[in-house]
PDB file of N, CA and C in Angstrom:
ATOM      1  N   UNK A   1      -2.929   5.990   9.328  1.00  0.00           N
ATOM      2  CA  UNK A   1      -2.741   4.694   8.030  1.00  0.00           C
ATOM      3  C   UNK A   1      -3.946   3.925   8.625  1.00  0.00           C
ATOM      4  N   UNK A   2      -4.746   3.513   7.725  1.00  0.00           N
ATOM      5  CA  UNK A   2      -5.567   2.558   8.445  1.00  0.00           C
ATOM      6  C   UNK A   2      -5.488   1.459   7.860  1.00  0.00           C
ATOM      7  N   UNK A   3      -4.287   1.018   7.106  1.00  0.00           N
ATOM      8  CA  UNK A   3      -4.031  -0.435   6.523  1.00  0.00           C
ATOM      9  C   UNK A   3      -2.982  -0.701   7.205  1.00  0.00           C
ATOM     10  N   UNK A   4      -2.630  -2.174   6.837  1.00  0.00           N
ATOM     11  CA  UNK A   4      -0.700  -2.282   7.310  1.00  0.00           C
ATOM     12  C   UNK A   4      -0.305  -2.416   6.284  1.00  0.00           C
ATOM     13  N   UNK A   5       0.901  -1.465   5.898  1.00  0.00           N
ATOM     14  CA  UNK A   5       1.842  -1.102   4.812  1.00  0.00           C
ATOM     15  C   UNK A   5       2.350  -2.592   4.681  1.00  0.00           C
ATOM     16  N   UNK A   6       3.036  -3.142   5.870  1.00  0.00           N
ATOM     17  CA  UNK A   6       3.649  -4.567   5.429  1.00  0.00           C
ATOM     18  C   UNK A   6       2.841  -5.703   4.841  1.00  0.00           C
ATOM     19  N   UNK A   7       1.742  -5.613   5.822  1.00  0.00           N
ATOM     20  CA  UNK A   7       0.948  -7.149   5.159  1.00  0.00           C
ATOM     21  C   UNK A   7       0.287  -6.429   3.928  1.00  0.00           C
ATOM     22  N   UNK A   8       0.310  -5.477   3.494  1.00  0.00           N
ATOM     23  CA  UNK A   8      -0.357  -5.122   2.015  1.00  0.00           C
ATOM     24  C   UNK A   8       0.877  -5.520   1.222  1.00  0.00           C
ATOM     25  N   UNK A   9       2.071  -4.949   1.292  1.00  0.00           N
ATOM     26  CA  UNK A   9       3.261  -5.260   0.431  1.00  0.00           C
ATOM     27  C   UNK A   9       3.254  -6.602  -0.103  1.00  0.00           C
ATOM     28  N   UNK A  10       3.233  -7.365   1.190  1.00  0.00           N
ATOM     29  CA  UNK A  10       3.742  -9.184   1.309  1.00  0.00           C
ATOM     30  C   UNK A  10       2.522  -9.504   0.511  1.00  0.00           C
ATOM     31  N   UNK A  11       0.939  -9.229   0.533  1.00  0.00           N
ATOM     32  CA  UNK A  11       0.013  -9.677  -0.085  1.00  0.00           C
ATOM     33  C   UNK A  11      -0.039  -9.853  -1.594  1.00  0.00           C
ATOM     34  N   UNK A  12       1.143  -9.278  -2.582  1.00  0.00           N
ATOM     35  CA  UNK A  12       1.165  -9.350  -3.637  1.00  0.00           C
ATOM     36  C   UNK A  12       1.876 -11.031  -3.964  1.00  0.00           C
ATOM     37  N   UNK A  13       1.285 -11.139  -5.367  1.00  0.00           N
ATOM     38  CA  UNK A  13       1.823 -12.908  -5.294  1.00  0.00           C
ATOM     39  C   UNK A  13       3.614 -12.873  -5.672  1.00  0.00           C
ATOM     40  N   UNK A  14       4.025 -13.797  -4.771  1.00  0.00           N
ATOM     41  CA  UNK A  14       5.312 -14.176  -4.923  1.00  0.00           C
ATOM     42  C   UNK A  14       6.206 -12.601  -4.122  1.00  0.00           C
ATOM     43  N   UNK A  15       5.619 -11.970  -3.416  1.00  0.00           N
ATOM     44  CA  UNK A  15       6.650 -10.704  -2.800  1.00  0.00           C
ATOM     45  C   UNK A  15       6.983 -11.380  -1.894  1.00  0.00           C
ATOM     46  N   UNK A  16       8.159 -10.725  -1.286  1.00  0.00           N
ATOM     47  CA  UNK A  16       9.172 -11.304  -0.214  1.00  0.00           C
ATOM     48  C   UNK A  16       9.683 -10.040   0.629  1.00  0.00           C
ATOM     49  N   UNK A  17      10.014 -10.562   1.649  1.00  0.00           N
ATOM     50  CA  UNK A  17      10.705  -9.145   2.784  1.00  0.00           C
ATOM     51  C   UNK A  17      12.183  -9.370   2.762  1.00  0.00           C
ATOM     52  N   UNK A  18      13.048  -8.358   2.360  1.00  0.00           N
ATOM     53  CA  UNK A  18      14.667  -8.963   2.922  1.00  0.00           C
ATOM     54  C   UNK A  18      14.797  -7.402   3.748  1.00  0.00           C
ATOM     55  N   UNK A  19      16.365  -7.376   3.910  1.00  0.00           N
ATOM     56  CA  UNK A  19      17.122  -6.246   4.741  1.00  0.00           C
ATOM     57  C   UNK A  19      18.316  -6.595   4.781  1.00  0.00           C
ATOM     58  N   UNK A  20      18.294  -5.856   3.059  1.00  0.00           N
ATOM     59  CA  UNK A  20      20.324  -6.227   3.007  1.00  0.00           C
ATOM     60  C   UNK A  20      20.798  -4.963   3.583  1.00  0.00           C
ATOM     61  N   UNK A  21      19.746  -3.885   3.811  1.00  0.00           N
ATOM     62  CA  UNK A  21      20.790  -2.602   4.400  1.00  0.00           C
ATOM     63  C   UNK A  21      20.544  -2.751   5.961  1.00  0.00           C
ATOM     64  N   UNK A  22      20.201  -3.641   6.038  1.00  0.00           N
ATOM     65  CA  UNK A  22      20.037  -3.478   8.531  1.00  0.00           C
ATOM     66  C   UNK A  22      18.806  -3.732   8.328  1.00  0.00           C
ATOM     67  N   UNK A  23      18.779  -3.910   9.350  1.00  0.00           N
ATOM     68  CA  UNK A  23      17.257  -3.464  10.136  1.00  0.00           C
ATOM     69  C   UNK A  23      16.064  -2.784  10.293  1.00  0.00           C
ATOM     70  N   UNK A  24      16.879  -1.681   9.622  1.00  0.00           N
ATOM     71  CA  UNK A  24      15.701  -0.168  10.004  1.00  0.00           C
ATOM     72  C   UNK A  24      15.591  -0.186   8.405  1.00  0.00           C
ATOM     73  N   UNK A  25      15.424  -1.166   7.421  1.00  0.00           N
ATOM     74  CA  UNK A  25      14.818  -0.741   5.664  1.00  0.00           C
ATOM     75  C   UNK A  25      14.649  -2.497   5.313  1.00  0.00           C
ATOM     76  N   UNK A  26      13.265  -2.421   5.778  1.00  0.00           N
ATOM     77  CA  UNK A  26      13.164  -3.632   4.750  1.00  0.00           C
ATOM     78  C   UNK A  26      12.701  -3.467   3.233  1.00  0.00           C
ATOM     79  N   UNK A  27      13.027  -4.566   2.387  1.00  0.00           N
ATOM     80  CA  UNK A  27      12.904  -4.042   1.052  1.00  0.00           C
ATOM     81  C   UNK A  27      12.168  -5.218   0.255  1.00  0.00           C
ATOM     82  N   UNK A  28      11.318  -5.005  -0.573  1.00  0.00           N
ATOM     83  CA  UNK A  28      10.257  -5.701  -0.882  1.00  0.00           C
ATOM     84  C   UNK A  28      10.544  -6.156  -2.377  1.00  0.00           C
ATOM     85  N   UNK A  29      10.653  -7.664  -2.685  1.00  0.00           N
ATOM     86  CA  UNK A  29      10.810  -7.631  -4.102  1.00  0.00           C
ATOM     87  C   UNK A  29       9.742  -9.021  -4.324  1.00  0.00           C
ATOM     88  N   UNK A  30       9.705  -9.000  -5.686  1.00  0.00           N
ATOM     89  CA  UNK A  30       9.007  -9.873  -6.529  1.00  0.00           C
ATOM     90  C   UNK A  30      10.367 -10.452  -7.569  1.00  0.00           C
ATOM     91  N   UNK A  31      10.476 -11.727  -7.409  1.00  0.00           N
ATOM     92  CA  UNK A  31      11.230 -12.686  -8.464  1.00  0.00           C
ATOM     93  C   UNK A  31      12.530 -11.839  -8.007  1.00  0.00           C
ATOM     94  N   UNK A  32      12.735 -11.527  -6.924  1.00  0.00           N
ATOM     95  CA  UNK A  32      14.108 -11.011  -7.055  1.00  0.00           C
ATOM     96  C   UNK A  32      14.614  -9.417  -7.027  1.00  0.00           C
ATOM     97  N   UNK A  33      13.039  -9.059  -8.157  1.00  0.00           N
ATOM     98  CA  UNK A  33      13.484  -7.413  -8.397  1.00  0.00           C
ATOM     99  C   UNK A  33      12.684  -6.502  -7.402  1.00  0.00           C
ATOM    100  N   UNK A  34      13.066  -5.203  -6.901  1.00  0.00           N
ATOM    101  CA  UNK A  34      12.712  -4.824  -5.841  1.00  0.00           C
ATOM    102  C   UNK A  34      11.488  -3.740  -6.294  1.00  0.00           C
ATOM    103  N   UNK A  35      10.134  -3.657  -5.383  1.00  0.00           N
ATOM    104  CA  UNK A  35       9.213  -2.989  -5.725  1.00  0.00           C
ATOM    105  C   UNK A  35       8.920  -1.938  -4.952  1.00  0.00           C
ATOM    106  N   UNK A  36       9.705  -1.967  -3.618  1.00  0.00           N
ATOM    107  CA  UNK A  36       9.813  -0.926  -2.586  1.00  0.00           C
ATOM    108  C   UNK A  36      10.453  -1.041  -1.454  1.00  0.00           C
ATOM    109  N   UNK A  37      10.659  -0.120  -0.687  1.00  0.00           N
ATOM    110  CA  UNK A  37      11.371  -0.581   0.875  1.00  0.00           C
ATOM    111  C   UNK A  37      10.325   0.531   1.865  1.00  0.00           C
ATOM    112  N   UNK A  38      10.575   0.082   2.932  1.00  0.00           N
ATOM    113  CA  UNK A  38      10.000   0.879   3.672  1.00  0.00           C
ATOM    114  C   UNK A  38      11.297   1.125   5.074  1.00  0.00           C
ATOM    115  N   UNK A  39      11.366   2.363   5.415  1.00  0.00           N
ATOM    116  CA  UNK A  39      12.249   2.404   6.935  1.00  0.00           C
ATOM    117  C   UNK A  39      11.941   3.082   7.169  1.00  0.00           C
ATOM    118  N   UNK A  40      12.492   3.827   8.584  1.00  0.00           N
ATOM    119  CA  UNK A  40      12.165   4.277   9.735  1.00  0.00           C
ATOM    120  C   UNK A  40      13.371   5.522   9.612  1.00  0.00           C
ATOM    121  N   UNK A  41      13.340   7.230   9.280  1.00  0.00           N
ATOM    122  CA  UNK A  41      14.519   7.689   9.589  1.00  0.00           C
ATOM    123  C   UNK A  41      14.120   9.167  10.569  1.00  0.00           C
ATOM    124  N   UNK A  42      15.058   9.592  11.414  1.00  0.00           N
ATOM    125  CA  UNK A  42      14.379  10.610  12.240  1.00  0.00           C
ATOM    126  C   UNK A  42      12.956   9.967  12.623  1.00  0.00           C
ATOM    127  N   UNK A  43      12.563   8.936  13.294  1.00  0.00           N
ATOM    128  CA  UNK A  43      11.461   8.665  13.411  1.00  0.00           C
ATOM    129  C   UNK A  43      10.571   8.790  12.828  1.00  0.00           C
ATOM    130  N   UNK A  44      10.445   9.125  11.793  1.00  0.00           N
ATOM    131  CA  UNK A  44       9.498   8.887  10.215  1.00  0.00           C
ATOM    132  C   UNK A  44       9.600   8.043   9.311  1.00  0.00           C
ATOM    133  N   UNK A  45       7.910   7.285   9.063  1.00  0.00           N
ATOM    134  CA  UNK A  45       8.089   5.933   8.004  1.00  0.00           C
ATOM    135  C   UNK A  45       8.052   6.652   6.723  1.00  0.00           C
ATOM    136  N   UNK A  46       9.137   6.197   5.999  1.00  0.00           N
ATOM    137  CA  UNK A  46       9.531   6.459   4.575  1.00  0.00           C
ATOM    138  C   UNK A  46       9.484   4.837   3.753  1.00  0.00           C
ATOM    139  N   UNK A  47       8.330   5.113   2.558  1.00  0.00           N
ATOM    140  CA  UNK A  47       8.053   4.100   2.044  1.00  0.00           C
ATOM    141  C   UNK A  47       8.972   4.616   0.477  1.00  0.00           C
ATOM    142  N   UNK A  48       9.592   4.030  -0.528  1.00  0.00           N
ATOM    143  CA  UNK A  48      10.315   4.181  -1.460  1.00  0.00           C
ATOM    144  C   UNK A  48       9.388   3.176  -2.850  1.00  0.00           C
ATOM    145  N   UNK A  49       8.916   3.752  -3.936  1.00  0.00           N
ATOM    146  CA  UNK A  49       8.466   3.419  -4.784  1.00  0.00           C
ATOM    147  C   UNK A  49       8.418   3.302  -6.815  1.00  0.00           C
ATOM    148  N   UNK A  50       8.449   2.387  -7.118  1.00  0.00           N
ATOM    149  CA  UNK A  50       8.751   2.804  -8.403  1.00  0.00           C
ATOM    150  C   UNK A  50       7.659   3.208  -8.955  1.00  0.00           C
ATOM    151  N   UNK A  51       7.747   4.092 -10.267  1.00  0.00           N
ATOM    152  CA  UNK A  51       6.859   5.007 -10.953  1.00  0.00           C
ATOM    153  C   UNK A  51       6.900   5.424 -12.075  1.00  0.00           C
ATOM    154  N   UNK A  52       5.970   5.552 -12.921  1.00  0.00           N
ATOM    155  CA  UNK A  52       6.049   6.069 -14.359  1.00  0.00           C
ATOM    156  C   UNK A  52       6.970   7.450 -14.206  1.00  0.00           C
ATOM    157  N   UNK A  53       8.072   7.762 -14.801  1.00  0.00           N
ATOM    158  CA  UNK A  53       8.568   9.144 -14.498  1.00  0.00           C
ATOM    159  C   UNK A  53       7.482  10.108 -14.902  1.00  0.00           C
ATOM    160  N   UNK A  54       6.420  10.361 -15.730  1.00  0.00           N
ATOM    161  CA  UNK A  54       5.454  11.402 -16.053  1.00  0.00           C
ATOM    162  C   UNK A  54       4.840  11.202 -14.887  1.00  0.00           C
ATOM    163  N   UNK A  55       3.996  10.550 -14.107  1.00  0.00           N
ATOM    164  CA  UNK A  55       2.959  10.040 -13.024  1.00  0.00           C
ATOM    165  C   UNK A  55       3.845  10.688 -11.754  1.00  0.00           C
ATOM    166  N   UNK A  56       5.214  10.259 -11.770  1.00  0.00           N
ATOM    167  CA  UNK A  56       5.928  10.524 -10.182  1.00  0.00           C
ATOM    168  C   UNK A  56       6.039  12.230 -10.447  1.00  0.00           C
ATOM    169  N   UNK A  57       6.390  12.884 -11.293  1.00  0.00           N
ATOM    170  CA  UNK A  57       6.348  14.607 -11.196  1.00  0.00           C
ATOM    171  C   UNK A  57       5.395  14.832 -10.852  1.00  0.00           C
ATOM    172  N   UNK A  58       4.198  14.288 -11.215  1.00  0.00           N
ATOM    173  CA  UNK A  58       2.704  14.692 -11.091  1.00  0.00           C
ATOM    174  C   UNK A  58       2.186  14.435  -9.564  1.00  0.00           C
ATOM    175  N   UNK A  59       2.662  13.510  -8.932  1.00  0.00           N
ATOM    176  CA  UNK A  59       2.389  13.070  -7.686  1.00  0.00           C
ATOM    177  C   UNK A  59       3.509  13.949  -6.438  1.00  0.00           C
ATOM    178  N   UNK A  60       4.514  14.214  -6.969  1.00  0.00           N
ATOM    179  CA  UNK A  60       5.605  15.458  -6.355  1.00  0.00           C
ATOM    180  C   UNK A  60       4.630  16.771  -6.414  1.00  0.00           C
ATOM    181  N   UNK A  61       3.893  17.016  -7.151  1.00  0.00           N
ATOM    182  CA  UNK A  61       3.028  18.310  -7.266  1.00  0.00           C
ATOM    183  C   UNK A  61       1.964  18.498  -6.390  1.00  0.00           C
ATOM    184  N   UNK A  62       1.599  17.307  -6.875  1.00  0.00           N
ATOM    185  CA  UNK A  62       0.137  17.153  -5.738  1.00  0.00           C
ATOM    186  C   UNK A  62       0.158  17.002  -4.517  1.00  0.00           C
ATOM    187  N   UNK A  63       1.510  16.147  -3.686  1.00  0.00           N
ATOM    188  CA  UNK A  63       1.596  15.711  -2.360  1.00  0.00           C
ATOM    189  C   UNK A  63       2.978  16.284  -2.689  1.00  0.00           C
ATOM    190  N   UNK A  64       2.864  17.582  -2.413  1.00  0.00           N
ATOM    191  CA  UNK A  64       4.069  18.241  -1.838  1.00  0.00           C
ATOM    192  C   UNK A  64       4.369  17.952  -0.497  1.00  0.00           C
ATOM    193  N   UNK A  65       6.167  17.944  -0.226  1.00  0.00           N
ATOM    194  CA  UNK A  65       6.589  17.492   1.003  1.00  0.00           C
ATOM    195  C   UNK A  65       6.439  16.101   1.629  1.00  0.00           C
ATOM    196  N   UNK A  66       5.595  15.303   1.137  1.00  0.00           N
ATOM    197  CA  UNK A  66       4.954  13.834   1.379  1.00  0.00           C
ATOM    198  C   UNK A  66       5.176  12.896   0.263  1.00  0.00           C
ATOM    199  N   UNK A  67       5.297  13.093  -1.229  1.00  0.00           N
ATOM    200  CA  UNK A  67       5.859  12.705  -2.481  1.00  0.00           C
ATOM    201  C   UNK A  67       7.278  13.226  -2.733  1.00  0.00           C
ATOM    202  N   UNK A  68       8.168  12.747  -2.411  1.00  0.00           N
ATOM    203  CA  UNK A  68       9.570  13.073  -2.951  1.00  0.00           C
ATOM    204  C   UNK A  68      10.380  12.252  -3.902  1.00  0.00           C
ATOM    205  N   UNK A  69      11.619  12.722  -4.928  1.00  0.00           N
ATOM    206  CA  UNK A  69      12.284  12.195  -5.755  1.00  0.00           C
ATOM    207  C   UNK A  69      12.616  10.972  -4.671  1.00  0.00           C
ATOM    208  N   UNK A  70      12.747  10.081  -5.015  1.00  0.00           N
ATOM    209  CA  UNK A  70      13.385   8.301  -4.343  1.00  0.00           C
ATOM    210  C   UNK A  70      14.656   9.093  -3.618  1.00  0.00           C
ATOM    211  N   UNK A  71      14.714   8.739  -2.425  1.00  0.00           N
ATOM    212  CA  UNK A  71      15.236   8.215  -1.781  1.00  0.00           C
ATOM    213  C   UNK A  71      16.489   7.756  -1.665  1.00  0.00           C
ATOM    214  N   UNK A  72      17.805   7.858  -2.396  1.00  0.00           N
ATOM    215  CA  UNK A  72      19.053   6.531  -2.301  1.00  0.00           C
ATOM    216  C   UNK A  72      18.621   6.143  -3.734  1.00  0.00           C
ATOM    217  N   UNK A  73      17.678   6.438  -4.817  1.00  0.00           N
ATOM    218  CA  UNK A  73      17.070   5.999  -5.876  1.00  0.00           C
ATOM    219  C   UNK A  73      17.315   6.546  -6.864  1.00  0.00           C
ATOM    220  N   UNK A  74      16.764   6.036  -8.518  1.00  0.00           N
ATOM    221  CA  UNK A  74      16.753   6.335  -9.148  1.00  0.00           C
ATOM    222  C   UNK A  74      15.949   7.861  -9.239  1.00  0.00           C
ATOM    223  N   UNK A  75      15.708   9.234  -8.855  1.00  0.00           N
ATOM    224  CA  UNK A  75      15.297   9.857  -8.917  1.00  0.00           C
ATOM    225  C   UNK A  75      13.988  10.364  -9.851  1.00  0.00           C
ATOM    226  N   UNK A  76      14.330   9.707 -10.980  1.00  0.00           N
ATOM    227  CA  UNK A  76      13.157   9.673 -12.699  1.00  0.00           C
ATOM    228  C   UNK A  76      12.188   8.907 -12.223  1.00  0.00           C
ATOM    229  N   UNK A  77      12.381   7.317 -11.792  1.00  0.00           N
ATOM    230  CA  UNK A  77      11.731   6.158 -11.605  1.00  0.00           C
ATOM    231  C   UNK A  77      11.104   5.853 -10.265  1.00  0.00           C
ATOM    232  N   UNK A  78      11.982   6.824  -9.645  1.00  0.00           N
ATOM    233  CA  UNK A  78      11.703   5.979  -8.349  1.00  0.00           C
ATOM    234  C   UNK A  78      10.926   7.333  -7.042  1.00  0.00           C
ATOM    235  N   UNK A  79       9.640   7.050  -6.434  1.00  0.00           N
ATOM    236  CA  UNK A  79       9.232   8.310  -5.369  1.00  0.00           C
ATOM    237  C   UNK A  79       9.497   7.844  -3.918  1.00  0.00           C
ATOM    238  N   UNK A  80       9.713   8.710  -3.261  1.00  0.00           N
ATOM    239  CA  UNK A  80       9.658   8.278  -1.698  1.00  0.00           C
ATOM    240  C   UNK A  80       8.773   9.191  -1.099  1.00  0.00           C
ATOM    241  N   UNK A  81       7.877   7.911  -0.573  1.00  0.00           N
ATOM    242  CA  UNK A  81       6.354   8.842   0.331  1.00  0.00           C
ATOM    243  C   UNK A  81       6.494   8.468   1.880  1.00  0.00           C
ATOM    244  N   UNK A  82       6.518  10.288   2.196  1.00  0.00           N
ATOM    245  CA  UNK A  82       6.590  10.346   3.442  1.00  0.00           C
ATOM    246  C   UNK A  82       5.126   9.633   4.093  1.00  0.00           C
ATOM    247  N   UNK A  83       5.227   8.470   4.912  1.00  0.00           N
ATOM    248  CA  UNK A  83       4.336   7.785   5.377  1.00  0.00           C
ATOM    249  C   UNK A  83       3.632   8.586   6.681  1.00  0.00           C
ATOM    250  N   UNK A  84       2.668   9.223   7.000  1.00  0.00           N
ATOM    251  CA  UNK A  84       2.369   9.946   7.673  1.00  0.00           C
ATOM    252  C   UNK A  84       0.915  10.286   7.961  1.00  0.00           C
ATOM    253  N   UNK A  85       0.288   9.477   7.318  1.00  0.00           N
ATOM    254  CA  UNK A  85      -1.589   9.460   7.033  1.00  0.00           C
ATOM    255  C   UNK A  85      -1.545  10.987   6.130  1.00  0.00           C
ATOM    256  N   UNK A  86      -1.136  11.917   5.624  1.00  0.00           N
ATOM    257  CA  UNK A  86      -1.258  12.940   4.434  1.00  0.00           C
ATOM    258  C   UNK A  86      -1.914  12.183   3.438  1.00  0.00           C
ATOM    259  N   UNK A  87      -0.999  11.456   3.107  1.00  0.00           N
ATOM    260  CA  UNK A  87      -1.491  11.078   1.654  1.00  0.00           C
ATOM    261  C   UNK A  87      -2.717   9.803   1.836  1.00  0.00           C
ATOM    262  N   UNK A  88      -3.315   9.984   1.110  1.00  0.00           N
ATOM    263  CA  UNK A  88      -4.944   8.893   1.426  1.00  0.00           C
ATOM    264  C   UNK A  88      -4.683   7.794   1.354  1.00  0.00           C
ATOM    265  N   UNK A  89      -4.764   6.580   2.369  1.00  0.00           N
ATOM    266  CA  UNK A  89      -4.640   5.491   2.282  1.00  0.00           C
ATOM    267  C   UNK A  89      -4.598   4.876   0.770  1.00  0.00           C
ATOM    268  N   UNK A  90      -5.691   4.902  -0.130  1.00  0.00           N
ATOM    269  CA  UNK A  90      -6.237   4.502  -1.275  1.00  0.00           C
ATOM    270  C   UNK A  90      -5.130   4.820  -2.451  1.00  0.00           C
ATOM    271  N   UNK A  91      -4.762   6.533  -2.156  1.00  0.00           N
ATOM    272  CA  UNK A  91      -3.511   6.696  -2.926  1.00  0.00           C
ATOM    273  C   UNK A  91      -2.127   5.696  -3.004  1.00  0.00           C
ATOM    274  N   UNK A  92      -1.968   6.025  -1.852  1.00  0.00           N
ATOM    275  CA  UNK A  92      -0.993   4.612  -1.461  1.00  0.00           C
ATOM    276  C   UNK A  92      -1.191   3.058  -1.987  1.00  0.00           C
ATOM    277  N   UNK A  93      -1.902   2.857  -1.914  1.00  0.00           N
ATOM    278  CA  UNK A  93      -2.136   1.339  -1.849  1.00  0.00           C
ATOM    279  C   UNK A  93      -1.775   1.126  -3.574  1.00  0.00           C
ATOM    280  N   UNK A  94      -2.710   2.645  -4.307  1.00  0.00           N
ATOM    281  CA  UNK A  94      -2.692   2.534  -5.340  1.00  0.00           C
ATOM    282  C   UNK A  94      -1.189   2.839  -6.100  1.00  0.00           C
ATOM    283  N   UNK A  95      -0.475   3.398  -5.221  1.00  0.00           N
ATOM    284  CA  UNK A  95       1.510   3.533  -5.922  1.00  0.00           C
ATOM    285  C   UNK A  95       1.771   2.590  -6.149  1.00  0.00           C
ATOM    286  N   UNK A  96       1.646   1.549  -4.861  1.00  0.00           N
ATOM    287  CA  UNK A  96       2.416   0.139  -4.096  1.00  0.00           C
ATOM    288  C   UNK A  96       1.481  -0.862  -5.443  1.00  0.00           C
ATOM    289  N   UNK A  97       0.174  -0.976  -5.640  1.00  0.00           N
ATOM    290  CA  UNK A  97       0.247  -1.494  -7.278  1.00  0.00           C
ATOM    291  C   UNK A  97       0.703  -1.352  -7.818  1.00  0.00           C
ATOM    292  N   UNK A  98       0.953  -0.048  -8.713  1.00  0.00           N
ATOM    293  CA  UNK A  98       1.395   0.403  -9.631  1.00  0.00           C
ATOM    294  C   UNK A  98       3.163  -0.253  -9.444  1.00  0.00           C
ATOM    295  N   UNK A  99       3.932   0.540  -8.246  1.00  0.00           N
ATOM    296  CA  UNK A  99       4.989   0.096  -8.758  1.00  0.00           C
ATOM    297  C   UNK A  99       5.103  -1.749  -8.417  1.00  0.00           C
ATOM    298  N   UNK A 100       4.540  -2.748  -8.024  1.00  0.00           N
ATOM    299  CA  UNK A 100       4.334  -3.644  -8.208  1.00  0.00           C
ATOM    300  C   UNK A 100       4.410  -4.059 -10.092  1.00  0.00           C
ATOM    301  N   UNK A 101       3.287  -3.804 -10.472  1.00  0.00           N
ATOM    302  CA  UNK A 101       2.906  -3.977 -12.031  1.00  0.00           C
ATOM    303  C   UNK A 101       4.135  -3.638 -12.895  1.00  0.00           C
ATOM    304  N   UNK A 102       4.779  -2.024 -12.630  1.00  0.00           N
ATOM    305  CA  UNK A 102       5.773  -1.966 -13.024  1.00  0.00           C
ATOM    306  C   UNK A 102       6.706  -2.940 -12.862  1.00  0.00           C
ATOM    307  N   UNK A 103       7.301  -3.268 -12.119  1.00  0.00           N
ATOM    308  CA  UNK A 103       8.423  -4.589 -11.612  1.00  0.00           C
ATOM    309  C   UNK A 103       7.705  -5.667 -12.488  1.00  0.00           C
ATOM    310  N   UNK A 104       6.540  -6.493 -12.511  1.00  0.00           N
ATOM    311  CA  UNK A 104       6.529  -7.255 -12.542  1.00  0.00           C
ATOM    312  C   UNK A 104       6.305  -7.206 -14.149  1.00  0.00           C
ATOM    313  N   UNK A 105       6.125  -6.076 -15.181  1.00  0.00           N
ATOM    314  CA  UNK A 105       6.110  -6.380 -16.257  1.00  0.00           C
ATOM    315  C   UNK A 105       7.377  -6.323 -17.300  1.00  0.00           C
ATOM    316  N   UNK A 106       8.120  -6.053 -16.174  1.00  0.00           N
ATOM    317  CA  UNK A 106       9.817  -6.207 -16.514  1.00  0.00           C
ATOM    318  C   UNK A 106      10.408  -7.527 -16.397  1.00  0.00           C
ATOM    319  N   UNK A 107       9.743  -8.456 -15.868  1.00  0.00           N
ATOM    320  CA  UNK A 107       9.946  -9.960 -15.906  1.00  0.00           C
ATOM    321  C   UNK A 107       9.781 -10.784 -17.110  1.00  0.00           C
ATOM    322  N   UNK A 108       8.655 -10.413 -17.884  1.00  0.00           N
ATOM    323  CA  UNK A 108       8.925 -10.420 -19.291  1.00  0.00           C
ATOM    324  C   UNK A 108       7.515 -11.398 -19.450  1.00  0.00           C
ATOM    325  N   UNK A 109       6.825 -11.282 -20.509  1.00  0.00           N
ATOM    326  CA  UNK A 109       5.524 -11.736 -20.856  1.00  0.00           C
ATOM    327  C   UNK A 109       4.621 -12.927 -20.253  1.00  0.00           C
ATOM    328  N   UNK A 110       5.166 -13.734 -20.158  1.00  0.00           N
ATOM    329  CA  UNK A 110       4.532 -14.964 -19.162  1.00  0.00           C
ATOM    330  C   UNK A 110       4.752 -14.539 -18.053  1.00  0.00           C
ATOM    331  N   UNK A 111       5.371 -14.470 -17.389  1.00  0.00           N
ATOM    332  CA  UNK A 111       5.538 -14.272 -15.953  1.00  0.00           C
ATOM    333  C   UNK A 111       5.150 -13.069 -15.415  1.00  0.00           C
ATOM    334  N   UNK A 112       4.584 -12.097 -16.434  1.00  0.00           N
ATOM    335  CA  UNK A 112       3.867 -11.348 -16.409  1.00  0.00           C
ATOM    336  C   UNK A 112       2.528 -11.728 -15.755  1.00  0.00           C
ATOM    337  N   UNK A 113       1.715 -12.216 -16.838  1.00  0.00           N
ATOM    338  CA  UNK A 113       0.838 -12.814 -17.253  1.00  0.00           C
ATOM    339  C   UNK A 113       0.432 -13.953 -15.769  1.00  0.00           C
ATOM    340  N   UNK A 114       1.219 -14.429 -15.415  1.00  0.00           N
ATOM    341  CA  UNK A 114       0.848 -15.175 -14.098  1.00  0.00           C
ATOM    342  C   UNK A 114       0.906 -14.402 -12.972  1.00  0.00           C
ATOM    343  N   UNK A 115       1.604 -13.510 -13.014  1.00  0.00           N
ATOM    344  CA  UNK A 115       1.606 -12.814 -11.757  1.00  0.00           C
ATOM    345  C   UNK A 115       0.795 -11.597 -11.495  1.00  0.00           C
ATOM    346  N   UNK A 116       0.008 -11.599 -12.489  1.00  0.00           N
ATOM    347  CA  UNK A 116      -1.230  -9.948 -12.736  1.00  0.00           C
ATOM    348  C   UNK A 116      -2.024 -11.115 -12.702  1.00  0.00           C
ATOM    349  N   UNK A 117      -2.256 -12.387 -13.047  1.00  0.00           N
ATOM    350  CA  UNK A 117      -3.659 -13.246 -12.776  1.00  0.00           C
ATOM    351  C   UNK A 117      -4.060 -13.984 -11.276  1.00  0.00           C
ATOM    352  N   UNK A 118      -2.444 -13.913 -10.838  1.00  0.00           N
ATOM    353  CA  UNK A 118      -2.374 -13.997  -9.213  1.00  0.00           C
ATOM    354  C   UNK A 118      -2.987 -13.350  -8.416  1.00  0.00           C
ATOM    355  N   UNK A 119      -2.584 -11.871  -8.632  1.00  0.00           N
ATOM    356  CA  UNK A 119      -2.918 -10.731  -8.153  1.00  0.00           C
ATOM    357  C   UNK A 119      -4.145 -10.210  -8.130  1.00  0.00           C
ATOM    358  N   UNK A 120      -4.789 -10.456  -9.700  1.00  0.00           N
ATOM    359  CA  UNK A 120      -6.322 -10.504  -9.730  1.00  0.00           C
ATOM    360  C   UNK A 120      -7.571 -11.381  -8.391  1.00  0.00           C
ATOM    361  N   UNK A 121      -6.721 -12.902  -8.344  1.00  0.00           N
ATOM    362  CA  UNK A 121      -7.392 -13.390  -7.430  1.00  0.00           C
ATOM    363  C   UNK A 121      -7.782 -13.358  -5.998  1.00  0.00           C
ATOM    364  N   UNK A 122      -6.155 -12.239  -5.854  1.00  0.00           N
ATOM    365  CA  UNK A 122      -6.124 -12.387  -4.339  1.00  0.00           C
ATOM    366  C   UNK A 122      -6.462 -10.568  -4.064  1.00  0.00           C
ATOM    367  N   UNK A 123      -6.981  -9.829  -4.874  1.00  0.00           N
ATOM    368  CA  UNK A 123      -7.555  -8.185  -5.020  1.00  0.00           C
ATOM    369  C   UNK A 123      -9.020  -8.561  -3.707  1.00  0.00           C
ATOM    370  N   UNK A 124      -9.209  -7.453  -3.015  1.00  0.00           N
ATOM    371  CA  UNK A 124     -10.801  -7.673  -2.556  1.00  0.00           C
ATOM    372  C   UNK A 124     -11.490  -7.091  -3.420  1.00  0.00           C
TER     373      UNK A 124
END
């Protein structure tokens, strides 16, 4: 992985990091709603991301054994990504952006417009 996952997750407007499940799993939220988890299990880094159900299925087919139904999550709406460099960095970033956007849209139109505008201002 050529980019810093934690820094990328925290670069999202109003994103915060919390450890409600213990020190081995970081939870990333925007306005109190989770958009990602990042943890280490059996010496392997894994990340849960929210996803459109149809796209979730497609990603699981394209990246077999690396994009899986969400671990401890609603398997229809969440994917688990094995972070080992197999899934290209750009695709991982796109999945993070998508997860963040899906959660932001659920916060209501005014809040979503504000956060999406802020995200555009910080996107390279």
